mmCIF file of all heavy atoms, coordinates in Angstrom:
data_MODEL
# 
_entry.id   MODEL 
# 
loop_
_atom_site.group_PDB 
_atom_site.id 
_atom_site.type_symbol 
_atom_site.label_atom_id 
_atom_site.label_alt_id 
_atom_site.label_comp_id 
_atom_site.label_asym_id 
_atom_site.label_entity_id 
_atom_site.label_seq_id 
_atom_site.pdbx_PDB_ins_code 
_atom_site.Cartn_x 
_atom_site.Cartn_y 
_atom_site.Cartn_z 
_atom_site.occupancy 
_atom_site.B_iso_or_equiv 
_atom_site.pdbx_formal_charge 
_atom_site.auth_seq_id 
_atom_site.auth_comp_id 
_atom_site.auth_asym_id 
_atom_site.auth_atom_id 
_atom_site.pdbx_PDB_model_num 
ATOM 1   N N   . ILE A 1 1  ? -23.822 52.459 74.438 1.00 0.00 ? 1  ILE A N   1 
ATOM 2   C CA  . ILE A 1 1  ? -23.444 51.061 74.645 1.00 0.00 ? 1  ILE A CA  1 
ATOM 3   C C   . ILE A 1 1  ? -22.227 50.712 73.799 1.00 0.00 ? 1  ILE A C   1 
ATOM 4   O O   . ILE A 1 1  ? -21.751 49.578 73.818 1.00 0.00 ? 1  ILE A O   1 
ATOM 5   C CB  . ILE A 1 1  ? -24.610 50.086 74.337 1.00 0.00 ? 1  ILE A CB  1 
ATOM 6   C CG1 . ILE A 1 1  ? -25.046 50.178 72.870 1.00 0.00 ? 1  ILE A CG1 1 
ATOM 7   C CG2 . ILE A 1 1  ? -25.771 50.327 75.259 1.00 0.00 ? 1  ILE A CG2 1 
ATOM 8   C CD1 . ILE A 1 1  ? -26.094 49.151 72.499 1.00 0.00 ? 1  ILE A CD1 1 
ATOM 9   N N   . ALA A 1 2  ? -21.703 51.719 73.070 1.00 0.00 ? 2  ALA A N   1 
ATOM 10  C CA  . ALA A 1 2  ? -20.441 51.620 72.330 1.00 0.00 ? 2  ALA A CA  1 
ATOM 11  C C   . ALA A 1 2  ? -20.430 50.462 71.339 1.00 0.00 ? 2  ALA A C   1 
ATOM 12  O O   . ALA A 1 2  ? -19.453 49.734 71.208 1.00 0.00 ? 2  ALA A O   1 
ATOM 13  C CB  . ALA A 1 2  ? -19.263 51.496 73.305 1.00 0.00 ? 2  ALA A CB  1 
ATOM 14  N N   . VAL A 1 3  ? -21.541 50.301 70.630 1.00 0.00 ? 3  VAL A N   1 
ATOM 15  C CA  . VAL A 1 3  ? -21.615 49.232 69.640 1.00 0.00 ? 3  VAL A CA  1 
ATOM 16  C C   . VAL A 1 3  ? -22.597 49.625 68.548 1.00 0.00 ? 3  VAL A C   1 
ATOM 17  O O   . VAL A 1 3  ? -23.563 50.354 68.793 1.00 0.00 ? 3  VAL A O   1 
ATOM 18  C CB  . VAL A 1 3  ? -22.050 47.902 70.310 1.00 0.00 ? 3  VAL A CB  1 
ATOM 19  C CG1 . VAL A 1 3  ? -23.492 47.967 70.771 1.00 0.00 ? 3  VAL A CG1 1 
ATOM 20  C CG2 . VAL A 1 3  ? -21.833 46.723 69.372 1.00 0.00 ? 3  VAL A CG2 1 
ATOM 21  N N   . TYR A 1 4  ? -22.335 49.178 67.320 1.00 0.00 ? 4  TYR A N   1 
ATOM 22  C CA  . TYR A 1 4  ? -23.207 49.446 66.187 1.00 0.00 ? 4  TYR A CA  1 
ATOM 23  C C   . TYR A 1 4  ? -24.134 48.250 65.951 1.00 0.00 ? 4  TYR A C   1 
ATOM 24  O O   . TYR A 1 4  ? -23.780 47.105 66.273 1.00 0.00 ? 4  TYR A O   1 
ATOM 25  C CB  . TYR A 1 4  ? -22.379 49.679 64.916 1.00 0.00 ? 4  TYR A CB  1 
ATOM 26  C CG  . TYR A 1 4  ? -21.406 50.811 65.023 1.00 0.00 ? 4  TYR A CG  1 
ATOM 27  C CD1 . TYR A 1 4  ? -20.037 50.570 64.998 1.00 0.00 ? 4  TYR A CD1 1 
ATOM 28  C CD2 . TYR A 1 4  ? -21.857 52.122 65.149 1.00 0.00 ? 4  TYR A CD2 1 
ATOM 29  C CE1 . TYR A 1 4  ? -19.134 51.612 65.087 1.00 0.00 ? 4  TYR A CE1 1 
ATOM 30  C CE2 . TYR A 1 4  ? -20.957 53.168 65.228 1.00 0.00 ? 4  TYR A CE2 1 
ATOM 31  C CZ  . TYR A 1 4  ? -19.597 52.916 65.205 1.00 0.00 ? 4  TYR A CZ  1 
ATOM 32  O OH  . TYR A 1 4  ? -18.709 53.951 65.294 1.00 0.00 ? 4  TYR A OH  1 
ATOM 33  N N   . PRO A 1 5  ? -25.303 48.484 65.364 1.00 0.00 ? 5  PRO A N   1 
ATOM 34  C CA  . PRO A 1 5  ? -26.212 47.368 65.075 1.00 0.00 ? 5  PRO A CA  1 
ATOM 35  C C   . PRO A 1 5  ? -25.562 46.270 64.230 1.00 0.00 ? 5  PRO A C   1 
ATOM 36  O O   . PRO A 1 5  ? -25.791 45.085 64.483 1.00 0.00 ? 5  PRO A O   1 
ATOM 37  C CB  . PRO A 1 5  ? -27.366 48.050 64.318 1.00 0.00 ? 5  PRO A CB  1 
ATOM 38  C CG  . PRO A 1 5  ? -27.363 49.451 64.818 1.00 0.00 ? 5  PRO A CG  1 
ATOM 39  C CD  . PRO A 1 5  ? -25.910 49.788 65.032 1.00 0.00 ? 5  PRO A CD  1 
ATOM 40  N N   . ASP A 1 6  ? -24.753 46.642 63.210 1.00 0.00 ? 6  ASP A N   1 
ATOM 41  C CA  . ASP A 1 6  ? -24.142 45.618 62.370 1.00 0.00 ? 6  ASP A CA  1 
ATOM 42  C C   . ASP A 1 6  ? -23.105 44.808 63.139 1.00 0.00 ? 6  ASP A C   1 
ATOM 43  O O   . ASP A 1 6  ? -22.889 43.615 62.860 1.00 0.00 ? 6  ASP A O   1 
ATOM 44  C CB  . ASP A 1 6  ? -23.510 46.237 61.117 1.00 0.00 ? 6  ASP A CB  1 
ATOM 45  C CG  . ASP A 1 6  ? -22.495 47.318 61.439 1.00 0.00 ? 6  ASP A CG  1 
ATOM 46  O OD1 . ASP A 1 6  ? -22.506 47.836 62.571 1.00 0.00 ? 6  ASP A OD1 1 
ATOM 47  O OD2 . ASP A 1 6  ? -21.687 47.656 60.548 1.00 0.00 ? 6  ASP A OD2 1 
ATOM 48  N N   . GLU A 1 7  ? -22.471 45.421 64.158 1.00 0.00 ? 7  GLU A N   1 
ATOM 49  C CA  . GLU A 1 7  ? -21.545 44.668 65.002 1.00 0.00 ? 7  GLU A CA  1 
ATOM 50  C C   . GLU A 1 7  ? -22.298 43.629 65.818 1.00 0.00 ? 7  GLU A C   1 
ATOM 51  O O   . GLU A 1 7  ? -21.811 42.502 66.016 1.00 0.00 ? 7  GLU A O   1 
ATOM 52  C CB  . GLU A 1 7  ? -20.791 45.621 65.930 1.00 0.00 ? 7  GLU A CB  1 
ATOM 53  C CG  . GLU A 1 7  ? -19.784 46.508 65.225 1.00 0.00 ? 7  GLU A CG  1 
ATOM 54  C CD  . GLU A 1 7  ? -19.108 47.474 66.162 1.00 0.00 ? 7  GLU A CD  1 
ATOM 55  O OE1 . GLU A 1 7  ? -19.776 47.956 67.107 1.00 0.00 ? 7  GLU A OE1 1 
ATOM 56  O OE2 . GLU A 1 7  ? -17.917 47.758 65.958 1.00 0.00 ? 7  GLU A OE2 1 
ATOM 57  N N   . LEU A 1 8  ? -23.471 44.000 66.299 1.00 0.00 ? 8  LEU A N   1 
ATOM 58  C CA  . LEU A 1 8  ? -24.291 43.044 67.047 1.00 0.00 ? 8  LEU A CA  1 
ATOM 59  C C   . LEU A 1 8  ? -24.688 41.858 66.182 1.00 0.00 ? 8  LEU A C   1 
ATOM 60  O O   . LEU A 1 8  ? -24.640 40.710 66.615 1.00 0.00 ? 8  LEU A O   1 
ATOM 61  C CB  . LEU A 1 8  ? -25.552 43.736 67.572 1.00 0.00 ? 8  LEU A CB  1 
ATOM 62  C CG  . LEU A 1 8  ? -25.389 44.669 68.764 1.00 0.00 ? 8  LEU A CG  1 
ATOM 63  C CD1 . LEU A 1 8  ? -26.701 45.395 69.038 1.00 0.00 ? 8  LEU A CD1 1 
ATOM 64  C CD2 . LEU A 1 8  ? -24.951 43.898 69.996 1.00 0.00 ? 8  LEU A CD2 1 
ATOM 65  N N   . THR A 1 9  ? -25.080 42.157 64.949 1.00 0.00 ? 9  THR A N   1 
ATOM 66  C CA  . THR A 1 9  ? -25.497 41.084 64.031 1.00 0.00 ? 9  THR A CA  1 
ATOM 67  C C   . THR A 1 9  ? -24.350 40.125 63.766 1.00 0.00 ? 9  THR A C   1 
ATOM 68  O O   . THR A 1 9  ? -24.518 38.906 63.817 1.00 0.00 ? 9  THR A O   1 
ATOM 69  C CB  . THR A 1 9  ? -26.000 41.683 62.710 1.00 0.00 ? 9  THR A CB  1 
ATOM 70  O OG1 . THR A 1 9  ? -27.097 42.564 62.985 1.00 0.00 ? 9  THR A OG1 1 
ATOM 71  C CG2 . THR A 1 9  ? -26.475 40.574 61.769 1.00 0.00 ? 9  THR A CG2 1 
ATOM 72  N N   . ARG A 1 10 ? -23.168 40.670 63.480 1.00 0.00 ? 10 ARG A N   1 
ATOM 73  C CA  . ARG A 1 10 ? -22.008 39.809 63.220 1.00 0.00 ? 10 ARG A CA  1 
ATOM 74  C C   . ARG A 1 10 ? -21.646 38.981 64.446 1.00 0.00 ? 10 ARG A C   1 
ATOM 75  O O   . ARG A 1 10 ? -21.318 37.792 64.344 1.00 0.00 ? 10 ARG A O   1 
ATOM 76  C CB  . ARG A 1 10 ? -20.810 40.661 62.791 1.00 0.00 ? 10 ARG A CB  1 
ATOM 77  C CG  . ARG A 1 10 ? -20.931 41.267 61.411 1.00 0.00 ? 10 ARG A CG  1 
ATOM 78  C CD  . ARG A 1 10 ? -19.577 41.713 60.876 1.00 0.00 ? 10 ARG A CD  1 
ATOM 79  N NE  . ARG A 1 10 ? -18.944 42.681 61.768 1.00 0.00 ? 10 ARG A NE  1 
ATOM 80  C CZ  . ARG A 1 10 ? -19.112 43.991 61.689 1.00 0.00 ? 10 ARG A CZ  1 
ATOM 81  N NH1 . ARG A 1 10 ? -19.924 44.493 60.758 1.00 0.00 ? 10 ARG A NH1 1 
ATOM 82  N NH2 . ARG A 1 10 ? -18.488 44.805 62.514 1.00 0.00 ? 10 ARG A NH2 1 
ATOM 83  N N   . ALA A 1 11 ? -21.703 39.623 65.609 1.00 0.00 ? 11 ALA A N   1 
ATOM 84  C CA  . ALA A 1 11 ? -21.342 38.922 66.839 1.00 0.00 ? 11 ALA A CA  1 
ATOM 85  C C   . ALA A 1 11 ? -22.304 37.777 67.141 1.00 0.00 ? 11 ALA A C   1 
ATOM 86  O O   . ALA A 1 11 ? -21.888 36.673 67.511 1.00 0.00 ? 11 ALA A O   1 
ATOM 87  C CB  . ALA A 1 11 ? -21.315 39.908 68.012 1.00 0.00 ? 11 ALA A CB  1 
ATOM 88  N N   . THR A 1 12 ? -23.599 38.031 66.976 1.00 0.00 ? 12 THR A N   1 
ATOM 89  C CA  . THR A 1 12 ? -24.577 36.979 67.261 1.00 0.00 ? 12 THR A CA  1 
ATOM 90  C C   . THR A 1 12 ? -24.523 35.862 66.212 1.00 0.00 ? 12 THR A C   1 
ATOM 91  O O   . THR A 1 12 ? -24.729 34.688 66.544 1.00 0.00 ? 12 THR A O   1 
ATOM 92  C CB  . THR A 1 12 ? -26.004 37.544 67.332 1.00 0.00 ? 12 THR A CB  1 
ATOM 93  O OG1 . THR A 1 12 ? -26.269 38.326 66.160 1.00 0.00 ? 12 THR A OG1 1 
ATOM 94  C CG2 . THR A 1 12 ? -26.176 38.419 68.564 1.00 0.00 ? 12 THR A CG2 1 
ATOM 95  N N   . ASP A 1 13 ? -24.228 36.210 64.959 1.00 0.00 ? 13 ASP A N   1 
ATOM 96  C CA  . ASP A 1 13 ? -24.062 35.181 63.937 1.00 0.00 ? 13 ASP A CA  1 
ATOM 97  C C   . ASP A 1 13 ? -22.888 34.276 64.281 1.00 0.00 ? 13 ASP A C   1 
ATOM 98  O O   . ASP A 1 13 ? -22.971 33.048 64.155 1.00 0.00 ? 13 ASP A O   1 
ATOM 99  C CB  . ASP A 1 13 ? -23.842 35.821 62.562 1.00 0.00 ? 13 ASP A CB  1 
ATOM 100 C CG  . ASP A 1 13 ? -25.112 36.416 61.986 1.00 0.00 ? 13 ASP A CG  1 
ATOM 101 O OD1 . ASP A 1 13 ? -26.203 36.101 62.513 1.00 0.00 ? 13 ASP A OD1 1 
ATOM 102 O OD2 . ASP A 1 13 ? -25.030 37.190 61.025 1.00 0.00 ? 13 ASP A OD2 1 
ATOM 103 N N   . TRP A 1 14 ? -21.782 34.890 64.702 1.00 0.00 ? 14 TRP A N   1 
ATOM 104 C CA  . TRP A 1 14 ? -20.605 34.102 65.082 1.00 0.00 ? 14 TRP A CA  1 
ATOM 105 C C   . TRP A 1 14 ? -20.925 33.232 66.295 1.00 0.00 ? 14 TRP A C   1 
ATOM 106 O O   . TRP A 1 14 ? -20.564 32.059 66.335 1.00 0.00 ? 14 TRP A O   1 
ATOM 107 C CB  . TRP A 1 14 ? -19.445 35.044 65.419 1.00 0.00 ? 14 TRP A CB  1 
ATOM 108 C CG  . TRP A 1 14 ? -18.214 34.302 65.857 1.00 0.00 ? 14 TRP A CG  1 
ATOM 109 C CD1 . TRP A 1 14 ? -17.221 33.814 65.072 1.00 0.00 ? 14 TRP A CD1 1 
ATOM 110 C CD2 . TRP A 1 14 ? -17.881 33.929 67.211 1.00 0.00 ? 14 TRP A CD2 1 
ATOM 111 N NE1 . TRP A 1 14 ? -16.283 33.176 65.842 1.00 0.00 ? 14 TRP A NE1 1 
ATOM 112 C CE2 . TRP A 1 14 ? -16.650 33.230 67.161 1.00 0.00 ? 14 TRP A CE2 1 
ATOM 113 C CE3 . TRP A 1 14 ? -18.488 34.131 68.447 1.00 0.00 ? 14 TRP A CE3 1 
ATOM 114 C CZ2 . TRP A 1 14 ? -16.028 32.738 68.301 1.00 0.00 ? 14 TRP A CZ2 1 
ATOM 115 C CZ3 . TRP A 1 14 ? -17.875 33.628 69.580 1.00 0.00 ? 14 TRP A CZ3 1 
ATOM 116 C CH2 . TRP A 1 14 ? -16.659 32.949 69.507 1.00 0.00 ? 14 TRP A CH2 1 
ATOM 117 N N   . PHE A 1 15 ? -21.633 33.808 67.274 1.00 0.00 ? 15 PHE A N   1 
ATOM 118 C CA  . PHE A 1 15 ? -21.942 33.055 68.481 1.00 0.00 ? 15 PHE A CA  1 
ATOM 119 C C   . PHE A 1 15 ? -22.839 31.865 68.167 1.00 0.00 ? 15 PHE A C   1 
ATOM 120 O O   . PHE A 1 15 ? -22.665 30.786 68.737 1.00 0.00 ? 15 PHE A O   1 
ATOM 121 C CB  . PHE A 1 15 ? -22.618 33.958 69.511 1.00 0.00 ? 15 PHE A CB  1 
ATOM 122 C CG  . PHE A 1 15 ? -22.807 33.277 70.843 1.00 0.00 ? 15 PHE A CG  1 
ATOM 123 C CD1 . PHE A 1 15 ? -21.831 33.342 71.810 1.00 0.00 ? 15 PHE A CD1 1 
ATOM 124 C CD2 . PHE A 1 15 ? -23.956 32.551 71.114 1.00 0.00 ? 15 PHE A CD2 1 
ATOM 125 C CE1 . PHE A 1 15 ? -21.985 32.704 73.028 1.00 0.00 ? 15 PHE A CE1 1 
ATOM 126 C CE2 . PHE A 1 15 ? -24.127 31.908 72.319 1.00 0.00 ? 15 PHE A CE2 1 
ATOM 127 C CZ  . PHE A 1 15 ? -23.137 31.990 73.289 1.00 0.00 ? 15 PHE A CZ  1 
ATOM 128 N N   . SER A 1 16 ? -23.785 32.051 67.262 1.00 0.00 ? 16 SER A N   1 
ATOM 129 C CA  . SER A 1 16 ? -24.695 30.955 66.905 1.00 0.00 ? 16 SER A CA  1 
ATOM 130 C C   . SER A 1 16 ? -23.933 29.764 66.329 1.00 0.00 ? 16 SER A C   1 
ATOM 131 O O   . SER A 1 16 ? -24.341 28.616 66.517 1.00 0.00 ? 16 SER A O   1 
ATOM 132 C CB  . SER A 1 16 ? -25.729 31.452 65.890 1.00 0.00 ? 16 SER A CB  1 
ATOM 133 O OG  . SER A 1 16 ? -26.568 32.431 66.459 1.00 0.00 ? 16 SER A OG  1 
ATOM 134 N N   . ARG A 1 17 ? -22.828 30.026 65.648 1.00 0.00 ? 17 ARG A N   1 
ATOM 135 C CA  . ARG A 1 17 ? -22.031 28.944 65.058 1.00 0.00 ? 17 ARG A CA  1 
ATOM 136 C C   . ARG A 1 17 ? -21.108 28.271 66.076 1.00 0.00 ? 17 ARG A C   1 
ATOM 137 O O   . ARG A 1 17 ? -20.748 27.111 65.913 1.00 0.00 ? 17 ARG A O   1 
ATOM 138 C CB  . ARG A 1 17 ? -21.192 29.482 63.895 1.00 0.00 ? 17 ARG A CB  1 
ATOM 139 C CG  . ARG A 1 17 ? -22.006 29.975 62.710 1.00 0.00 ? 17 ARG A CG  1 
ATOM 140 C CD  . ARG A 1 17 ? -21.123 30.190 61.492 1.00 0.00 ? 17 ARG A CD  1 
ATOM 141 N NE  . ARG A 1 17 ? -20.065 31.154 61.746 1.00 0.00 ? 17 ARG A NE  1 
ATOM 142 C CZ  . ARG A 1 17 ? -20.191 32.469 61.561 1.00 0.00 ? 17 ARG A CZ  1 
ATOM 143 N NH1 . ARG A 1 17 ? -21.335 32.967 61.135 1.00 0.00 ? 17 ARG A NH1 1 
ATOM 144 N NH2 . ARG A 1 17 ? -19.176 33.284 61.798 1.00 0.00 ? 17 ARG A NH2 1 
ATOM 145 N N   . HIS A 1 18 ? -20.715 29.016 67.102 1.00 0.00 ? 18 HIS A N   1 
ATOM 146 C CA  . HIS A 1 18 ? -19.709 28.493 68.040 1.00 0.00 ? 18 HIS A CA  1 
ATOM 147 C C   . HIS A 1 18 ? -20.178 28.591 69.491 1.00 0.00 ? 18 HIS A C   1 
ATOM 148 O O   . HIS A 1 18 ? -19.349 28.743 70.391 1.00 0.00 ? 18 HIS A O   1 
ATOM 149 C CB  . HIS A 1 18 ? -18.404 29.285 67.891 1.00 0.00 ? 18 HIS A CB  1 
ATOM 150 C CG  . HIS A 1 18 ? -17.879 29.366 66.500 1.00 0.00 ? 18 HIS A CG  1 
ATOM 151 N ND1 . HIS A 1 18 ? -17.236 28.311 65.871 1.00 0.00 ? 18 HIS A ND1 1 
ATOM 152 C CD2 . HIS A 1 18 ? -17.914 30.373 65.594 1.00 0.00 ? 18 HIS A CD2 1 
ATOM 153 C CE1 . HIS A 1 18 ? -16.882 28.661 64.662 1.00 0.00 ? 18 HIS A CE1 1 
ATOM 154 N NE2 . HIS A 1 18 ? -17.281 29.902 64.450 1.00 0.00 ? 18 HIS A NE2 1 
ATOM 155 N N   . CYS A 1 19 ? -21.470 28.486 69.736 1.00 0.00 ? 19 CYS A N   1 
ATOM 156 C CA  . CYS A 1 19 ? -22.011 28.803 71.062 1.00 0.00 ? 19 CYS A CA  1 
ATOM 157 C C   . CYS A 1 19 ? -21.384 27.983 72.186 1.00 0.00 ? 19 CYS A C   1 
ATOM 158 O O   . CYS A 1 19 ? -20.982 28.547 73.214 1.00 0.00 ? 19 CYS A O   1 
ATOM 159 C CB  . CYS A 1 19 ? -23.526 28.676 71.068 1.00 0.00 ? 19 CYS A CB  1 
ATOM 160 S SG  . CYS A 1 19 ? -24.164 27.094 70.519 1.00 0.00 ? 19 CYS A SG  1 
ATOM 161 N N   . ALA A 1 20 ? -21.278 26.662 72.028 1.00 0.00 ? 20 ALA A N   1 
ATOM 162 C CA  . ALA A 1 20 ? -20.751 25.836 73.113 1.00 0.00 ? 20 ALA A CA  1 
ATOM 163 C C   . ALA A 1 20 ? -19.301 26.192 73.414 1.00 0.00 ? 20 ALA A C   1 
ATOM 164 O O   . ALA A 1 20 ? -18.914 26.389 74.581 1.00 0.00 ? 20 ALA A O   1 
ATOM 165 C CB  . ALA A 1 20 ? -20.873 24.355 72.736 1.00 0.00 ? 20 ALA A CB  1 
ATOM 166 N N   . LYS A 1 21 ? -18.483 26.278 72.360 1.00 0.00 ? 21 LYS A N   1 
ATOM 167 C CA  . LYS A 1 21 ? -17.078 26.628 72.538 1.00 0.00 ? 21 LYS A CA  1 
ATOM 168 C C   . LYS A 1 21 ? -16.940 28.029 73.119 1.00 0.00 ? 21 LYS A C   1 
ATOM 169 O O   . LYS A 1 21 ? -16.090 28.272 73.982 1.00 0.00 ? 21 LYS A O   1 
ATOM 170 C CB  . LYS A 1 21 ? -16.352 26.559 71.188 1.00 0.00 ? 21 LYS A CB  1 
ATOM 171 C CG  . LYS A 1 21 ? -14.846 26.775 71.273 1.00 0.00 ? 21 LYS A CG  1 
ATOM 172 C CD  . LYS A 1 21 ? -14.243 26.957 69.886 1.00 0.00 ? 21 LYS A CD  1 
ATOM 173 C CE  . LYS A 1 21 ? -14.523 25.763 69.004 1.00 0.00 ? 21 LYS A CE  1 
ATOM 174 N NZ  . LYS A 1 21 ? -13.904 25.927 67.648 1.00 0.00 ? 21 LYS A NZ  1 
ATOM 175 N N   . ALA A 1 22 ? -17.771 28.960 72.645 1.00 0.00 ? 22 ALA A N   1 
ATOM 176 C CA  . ALA A 1 22 ? -17.692 30.347 73.114 1.00 0.00 ? 22 ALA A CA  1 
ATOM 177 C C   . ALA A 1 22 ? -18.006 30.440 74.604 1.00 0.00 ? 22 ALA A C   1 
ATOM 178 O O   . ALA A 1 22 ? -17.328 31.161 75.352 1.00 0.00 ? 22 ALA A O   1 
ATOM 179 C CB  . ALA A 1 22 ? -18.651 31.229 72.316 1.00 0.00 ? 22 ALA A CB  1 
ATOM 180 N N   . VAL A 1 23 ? -19.029 29.733 75.058 1.00 0.00 ? 23 VAL A N   1 
ATOM 181 C CA  . VAL A 1 23 ? -19.400 29.772 76.473 1.00 0.00 ? 23 VAL A CA  1 
ATOM 182 C C   . VAL A 1 23 ? -18.301 29.136 77.324 1.00 0.00 ? 23 VAL A C   1 
ATOM 183 O O   . VAL A 1 23 ? -17.884 29.698 78.349 1.00 0.00 ? 23 VAL A O   1 
ATOM 184 C CB  . VAL A 1 23 ? -20.744 29.064 76.713 1.00 0.00 ? 23 VAL A CB  1 
ATOM 185 C CG1 . VAL A 1 23 ? -20.999 28.865 78.209 1.00 0.00 ? 23 VAL A CG1 1 
ATOM 186 C CG2 . VAL A 1 23 ? -21.880 29.877 76.098 1.00 0.00 ? 23 VAL A CG2 1 
ATOM 187 N N   . LEU A 1 24 ? -17.815 27.970 76.909 1.00 0.00 ? 24 LEU A N   1 
ATOM 188 C CA  . LEU A 1 24 ? -16.790 27.269 77.687 1.00 0.00 ? 24 LEU A CA  1 
ATOM 189 C C   . LEU A 1 24 ? -15.527 28.104 77.819 1.00 0.00 ? 24 LEU A C   1 
ATOM 190 O O   . LEU A 1 24 ? -15.013 28.314 78.923 1.00 0.00 ? 24 LEU A O   1 
ATOM 191 C CB  . LEU A 1 24 ? -16.468 25.932 77.028 1.00 0.00 ? 24 LEU A CB  1 
ATOM 192 C CG  . LEU A 1 24 ? -15.359 25.104 77.694 1.00 0.00 ? 24 LEU A CG  1 
ATOM 193 C CD1 . LEU A 1 24 ? -15.710 24.789 79.143 1.00 0.00 ? 24 LEU A CD1 1 
ATOM 194 C CD2 . LEU A 1 24 ? -15.108 23.825 76.910 1.00 0.00 ? 24 LEU A CD2 1 
ATOM 195 N N   . LEU A 1 25 ? -15.010 28.593 76.691 1.00 0.00 ? 25 LEU A N   1 
ATOM 196 C CA  . LEU A 1 25 ? -13.779 29.377 76.724 1.00 0.00 ? 25 LEU A CA  1 
ATOM 197 C C   . LEU A 1 25 ? -14.007 30.759 77.316 1.00 0.00 ? 25 LEU A C   1 
ATOM 198 O O   . LEU A 1 25 ? -13.141 31.299 78.006 1.00 0.00 ? 25 LEU A O   1 
ATOM 199 C CB  . LEU A 1 25 ? -13.193 29.500 75.310 1.00 0.00 ? 25 LEU A CB  1 
ATOM 200 C CG  . LEU A 1 25 ? -12.776 28.185 74.660 1.00 0.00 ? 25 LEU A CG  1 
ATOM 201 C CD1 . LEU A 1 25 ? -12.218 28.426 73.257 1.00 0.00 ? 25 LEU A CD1 1 
ATOM 202 C CD2 . LEU A 1 25 ? -11.728 27.464 75.519 1.00 0.00 ? 25 LEU A CD2 1 
ATOM 203 N N   . GLY A 1 26 ? -15.190 31.337 77.058 1.00 0.00 ? 26 GLY A N   1 
ATOM 204 C CA  . GLY A 1 26 ? -15.497 32.657 77.592 1.00 0.00 ? 26 GLY A CA  1 
ATOM 205 C C   . GLY A 1 26 ? -15.504 32.685 79.105 1.00 0.00 ? 26 GLY A C   1 
ATOM 206 O O   . GLY A 1 26 ? -15.125 33.689 79.718 1.00 0.00 ? 26 GLY A O   1 
ATOM 207 N N   . ARG A 1 27 ? -15.902 31.586 79.736 1.00 0.00 ? 27 ARG A N   1 
ATOM 208 C CA  . ARG A 1 27 ? -15.931 31.531 81.198 1.00 0.00 ? 27 ARG A CA  1 
ATOM 209 C C   . ARG A 1 27 ? -14.524 31.520 81.801 1.00 0.00 ? 27 ARG A C   1 
ATOM 210 O O   . ARG A 1 27 ? -14.364 31.645 83.017 1.00 0.00 ? 27 ARG A O   1 
ATOM 211 C CB  . ARG A 1 27 ? -16.689 30.290 81.666 1.00 0.00 ? 27 ARG A CB  1 
ATOM 212 C CG  . ARG A 1 27 ? -18.158 30.269 81.307 1.00 0.00 ? 27 ARG A CG  1 
ATOM 213 C CD  . ARG A 1 27 ? -18.930 31.417 81.898 1.00 0.00 ? 27 ARG A CD  1 
ATOM 214 N NE  . ARG A 1 27 ? -18.979 31.353 83.358 1.00 0.00 ? 27 ARG A NE  1 
ATOM 215 C CZ  . ARG A 1 27 ? -19.457 32.326 84.115 1.00 0.00 ? 27 ARG A CZ  1 
ATOM 216 N NH1 . ARG A 1 27 ? -19.889 33.443 83.585 1.00 0.00 ? 27 ARG A NH1 1 
ATOM 217 N NH2 . ARG A 1 27 ? -19.474 32.201 85.435 1.00 0.00 ? 27 ARG A NH2 1 
# 
């Protein structure tokens, strides 16, 4: 899956802080 566990943790931590903006811009 080309990803490390610590990368997942950092990514989800960042997403939790910016979820609305991330979803809107990500689309």
